């Protein structure tokens, strides 16, 4: 005897039937929009009614999304805040020790460089005095100088900081679109280097 398959009544997020209805409605509206032929004011009114239907359905979908995600986001925010607080002293201690180790390596490298320079000076003095054998010994010793450090490995990478924004070449700059849009919202109509214009769009109420 075969077991009868049970139709699932819910997805992991919302009921299957509800999700299916949204999908069917969306597919139908896409097809309807593609086939719509606007030739008269009556056609425009029908298209507008479809737009209102689309807007209402989008609002319904957004409400279902926020009904589910708001409590999840609140829980996520609280969890992130708690773990950030717990990790804070470890991050602080990590930063302190890394800075000290980096400084220690810098000091050791500076000391080693001074040692190299002294031995190279000795080599130069010996060479000037005609003692080529002693000069060679000091040169070899200079090559053997190493900054003696512990287990830590300090890597160096190139980075940057802004010291004079006015001198930064244009190819390294980008438009602050948020600030520009806010300026336009505040009725700014002229910004050097930008064309501010009106773009048509259909308003659904």
Protein backbone atom coordinates (compact mmCIF):
# COMPACT_ATOMS: atom_id res chain seq x y z
CA UNK A 1 0.00 0.00 0.00
CA UNK A 2 1.52 3.29 -1.10
CA UNK A 3 1.42 6.23 1.20
CA UNK A 4 -0.60 9.21 0.03
CA UNK A 5 1.52 12.28 -0.52
CA UNK A 6 0.55 15.15 1.72
CA UNK A 7 0.53 18.54 0.03
CA UNK A 8 2.62 20.99 2.08
CA UNK A 9 0.61 23.83 3.59
CA UNK A 10 3.49 26.16 4.33
CA UNK A 11 6.94 27.05 3.15
CA UNK A 12 9.79 27.86 5.53
CA UNK A 13 8.50 31.44 5.60
CA UNK A 14 4.87 31.84 4.48
CA UNK A 15 2.06 29.37 3.57
CA UNK A 16 2.49 27.70 0.18
CA UNK A 17 -0.92 28.83 -1.05
CA UNK A 18 -0.18 32.45 -0.18
CA UNK A 19 3.17 32.39 -1.97
CA UNK A 20 1.55 30.62 -4.94
CA UNK A 21 -1.15 33.29 -5.18
CA UNK A 22 1.46 36.06 -5.21
CA UNK A 23 3.41 34.27 -7.94
CA UNK A 24 0.34 33.62 -10.12
CA UNK A 25 -0.82 37.21 -9.71
CA UNK A 26 2.63 38.51 -10.61
CA UNK A 27 2.94 36.30 -13.71
CA UNK A 28 -0.53 37.34 -14.87
CA UNK A 29 0.19 41.05 -14.41
CA UNK A 30 3.48 40.79 -16.33
CA UNK A 31 1.65 39.09 -19.22
CA UNK A 32 -1.20 41.61 -19.06
CA UNK A 33 1.25 44.55 -19.07
CA UNK A 34 3.12 43.19 -22.09
CA UNK A 35 -0.12 42.75 -24.05
CA UNK A 36 -1.59 46.13 -23.07
CA UNK A 37 -2.07 48.45 -26.06
CA UNK A 38 -2.70 52.07 -25.08
CA UNK A 39 -4.58 53.94 -27.80
CA UNK A 40 -7.32 55.82 -25.96
CA UNK A 41 -7.90 57.59 -22.65
CA UNK A 42 -10.05 54.63 -21.69
CA UNK A 43 -7.08 52.34 -22.26
CA UNK A 44 -4.96 54.62 -20.09
CA UNK A 45 -7.55 54.44 -17.30
CA UNK A 46 -7.50 50.64 -17.50
CA UNK A 47 -3.70 50.66 -17.35
CA UNK A 48 -3.85 52.96 -14.35
CA UNK A 49 -6.24 50.57 -12.60
CA UNK A 50 -3.75 47.76 -13.23
CA UNK A 51 -0.98 49.93 -11.76
CA UNK A 52 -3.09 50.46 -8.63
CA UNK A 53 -3.61 46.71 -8.38
CA UNK A 54 0.15 46.22 -8.71
CA UNK A 55 0.82 48.88 -6.05
CA UNK A 56 -1.68 47.30 -3.63
CA UNK A 57 -0.16 43.84 -4.12
CA UNK A 58 3.37 45.20 -3.65
CA UNK A 59 2.24 46.78 -0.37
CA UNK A 60 0.73 43.47 0.73
CA UNK A 61 3.97 41.64 -0.10
CA UNK A 62 6.02 44.28 1.71
CA UNK A 63 3.77 44.00 4.78
CA UNK A 64 4.20 40.24 4.86
CA UNK A 65 7.96 40.70 4.54
CA UNK A 66 8.17 43.21 7.38
CA UNK A 67 5.83 41.14 9.58
CA UNK A 68 8.45 38.39 9.38
CA UNK A 69 11.70 40.34 9.19
CA UNK A 70 11.09 43.06 11.80
CA UNK A 71 11.27 40.74 14.83
CA UNK A 72 14.17 38.87 13.22
CA UNK A 73 16.04 42.12 12.61
CA UNK A 74 15.35 43.24 16.17
CA UNK A 75 16.71 39.96 17.52
CA UNK A 76 19.72 40.17 15.19
CA UNK A 77 20.42 43.74 16.27
CA UNK A 78 20.26 42.78 19.95
CA UNK A 79 22.49 39.73 19.40
CA UNK A 80 25.06 41.76 17.44
CA UNK A 81 25.11 44.44 20.15
CA UNK A 82 25.63 41.87 22.91
CA UNK A 83 28.43 40.02 21.13
CA UNK A 84 30.06 43.30 20.10
CA UNK A 85 30.13 44.29 23.77
CA UNK A 86 31.57 40.91 24.79
CA UNK A 87 34.27 41.09 22.10
CA UNK A 88 35.23 44.74 22.78
CA UNK A 89 37.88 44.14 25.52
CA UNK A 90 39.46 41.35 23.46
CA UNK A 91 39.67 43.64 20.43
CA UNK A 92 41.19 46.36 22.60
CA UNK A 93 43.79 43.99 24.06
CA UNK A 94 44.53 42.63 20.58
CA UNK A 95 45.11 46.15 19.25
CA UNK A 96 47.36 47.11 22.16
CA UNK A 97 49.59 44.05 21.78
CA UNK A 98 49.75 44.28 17.97
CA UNK A 99 50.84 47.92 18.24
CA UNK A 100 53.54 47.02 20.78
CA UNK A 101 54.82 44.11 18.69
CA UNK A 102 54.93 46.32 15.58
CA UNK A 103 56.83 48.97 17.52
CA UNK A 104 59.24 46.30 18.84
CA UNK A 105 59.93 45.09 15.30
CA UNK A 106 60.51 48.67 14.13
CA UNK A 107 63.04 49.22 16.94
CA UNK A 108 64.84 45.95 16.17
CA UNK A 109 64.97 46.76 12.46
CA UNK A 110 66.34 50.23 13.22
CA UNK A 111 69.00 48.73 15.49
CA UNK A 112 69.94 46.17 12.84
CA UNK A 113 70.20 48.89 10.20
CA UNK A 114 72.55 50.89 12.43
CA UNK A 115 74.67 47.77 12.92
CA UNK A 116 74.84 47.25 9.15
CA UNK A 117 75.86 50.85 8.62
CA UNK A 118 78.63 50.61 11.27
CA UNK A 119 80.05 47.45 9.71
CA UNK A 120 79.91 48.94 6.24
CA UNK A 121 81.73 52.01 7.57
CA UNK A 122 84.39 49.71 9.06
CA UNK A 123 84.63 47.95 5.69
CA UNK A 124 85.08 51.29 3.93
CA UNK A 125 87.75 52.36 6.43
CA UNK A 126 89.63 49.07 5.99
CA UNK A 127 89.40 49.32 2.21
CA UNK A 128 90.67 52.89 2.32
CA UNK A 129 93.60 51.69 4.48
CA UNK A 130 94.36 49.01 1.89
CA UNK A 131 93.24 46.11 4.09
CA UNK A 132 90.96 44.36 1.61
CA UNK A 133 90.70 41.18 3.68
CA UNK A 134 89.34 43.04 6.73
CA UNK A 135 87.03 45.06 4.45
CA UNK A 136 85.58 41.83 3.02
CA UNK A 137 85.02 40.43 6.52
CA UNK A 138 83.08 43.53 7.58
CA UNK A 139 81.01 43.47 4.38
CA UNK A 140 80.11 39.84 5.03
CA UNK A 141 79.19 40.65 8.62
CA UNK A 142 77.02 43.52 7.40
CA UNK A 143 75.12 41.09 5.15
CA UNK A 144 74.60 38.74 8.11
CA UNK A 145 72.93 41.31 10.37
CA UNK A 146 69.34 40.34 11.23
CA UNK A 147 66.70 41.98 13.40
CA UNK A 148 66.28 39.42 16.19
CA UNK A 149 62.59 39.11 17.05
CA UNK A 150 60.30 36.45 18.52
CA UNK A 151 57.52 34.33 16.98
CA UNK A 152 55.48 37.20 15.58
CA UNK A 153 55.58 38.07 11.91
CA UNK A 154 54.95 41.70 11.03
CA UNK A 155 53.74 42.28 7.47
CA UNK A 156 53.68 45.71 5.87
CA UNK A 157 51.19 46.90 3.27
CA UNK A 158 50.74 50.12 1.38
CA UNK A 159 47.74 52.24 2.36
CA UNK A 160 46.79 55.93 2.33
CA UNK A 161 45.26 58.87 4.16
CA UNK A 162 43.90 62.11 2.74
CA UNK A 163 46.08 65.14 3.51
CA UNK A 164 44.72 67.61 0.92
CA UNK A 165 41.46 66.70 -0.86
CA UNK A 166 41.87 69.60 -3.30
CA UNK A 167 45.01 68.00 -4.76
CA UNK A 168 43.54 64.52 -5.28
CA UNK A 169 43.20 63.76 -9.04
CA UNK A 170 39.60 63.56 -10.29
CA UNK A 171 39.87 59.89 -11.30
CA UNK A 172 40.18 58.98 -7.62
CA UNK A 173 37.07 60.90 -6.56
CA UNK A 174 33.39 59.93 -6.78
CA UNK A 175 30.11 61.81 -6.66
CA UNK A 176 28.31 61.85 -3.31
CA UNK A 177 24.94 60.91 -4.81
CA UNK A 178 23.19 61.04 -1.42
CA UNK A 179 24.27 64.66 -0.88
CA UNK A 180 23.36 65.61 -4.46
CA UNK A 181 19.86 64.12 -4.19
CA UNK A 182 19.33 65.87 -0.87
CA UNK A 183 20.41 69.18 -2.43
CA UNK A 184 17.93 68.66 -5.29
CA UNK A 185 15.25 67.83 -2.73
CA UNK A 186 16.14 71.14 -1.04
CA UNK A 187 15.42 72.87 -4.38
CA UNK A 188 19.03 73.32 -5.50
CA UNK A 189 18.87 73.47 -9.31
CA UNK A 190 22.45 74.30 -10.28
CA UNK A 191 25.57 72.38 -9.27
CA UNK A 192 28.76 72.93 -11.29
CA UNK A 193 29.55 69.92 -13.45
CA UNK A 194 26.09 68.36 -13.07
CA UNK A 195 22.93 68.57 -15.18
CA UNK A 196 19.87 68.69 -12.98
CA UNK A 197 16.70 67.83 -14.87
CA UNK A 198 13.18 66.46 -14.41
CA UNK A 199 12.42 62.85 -15.27
CA UNK A 200 8.87 61.82 -16.04
CA UNK A 201 7.25 59.07 -13.99
CA UNK A 202 3.73 57.75 -13.43
CA UNK A 203 2.29 58.43 -9.99
CA UNK A 204 -0.11 55.84 -8.58
CA UNK A 205 -2.37 56.98 -5.74
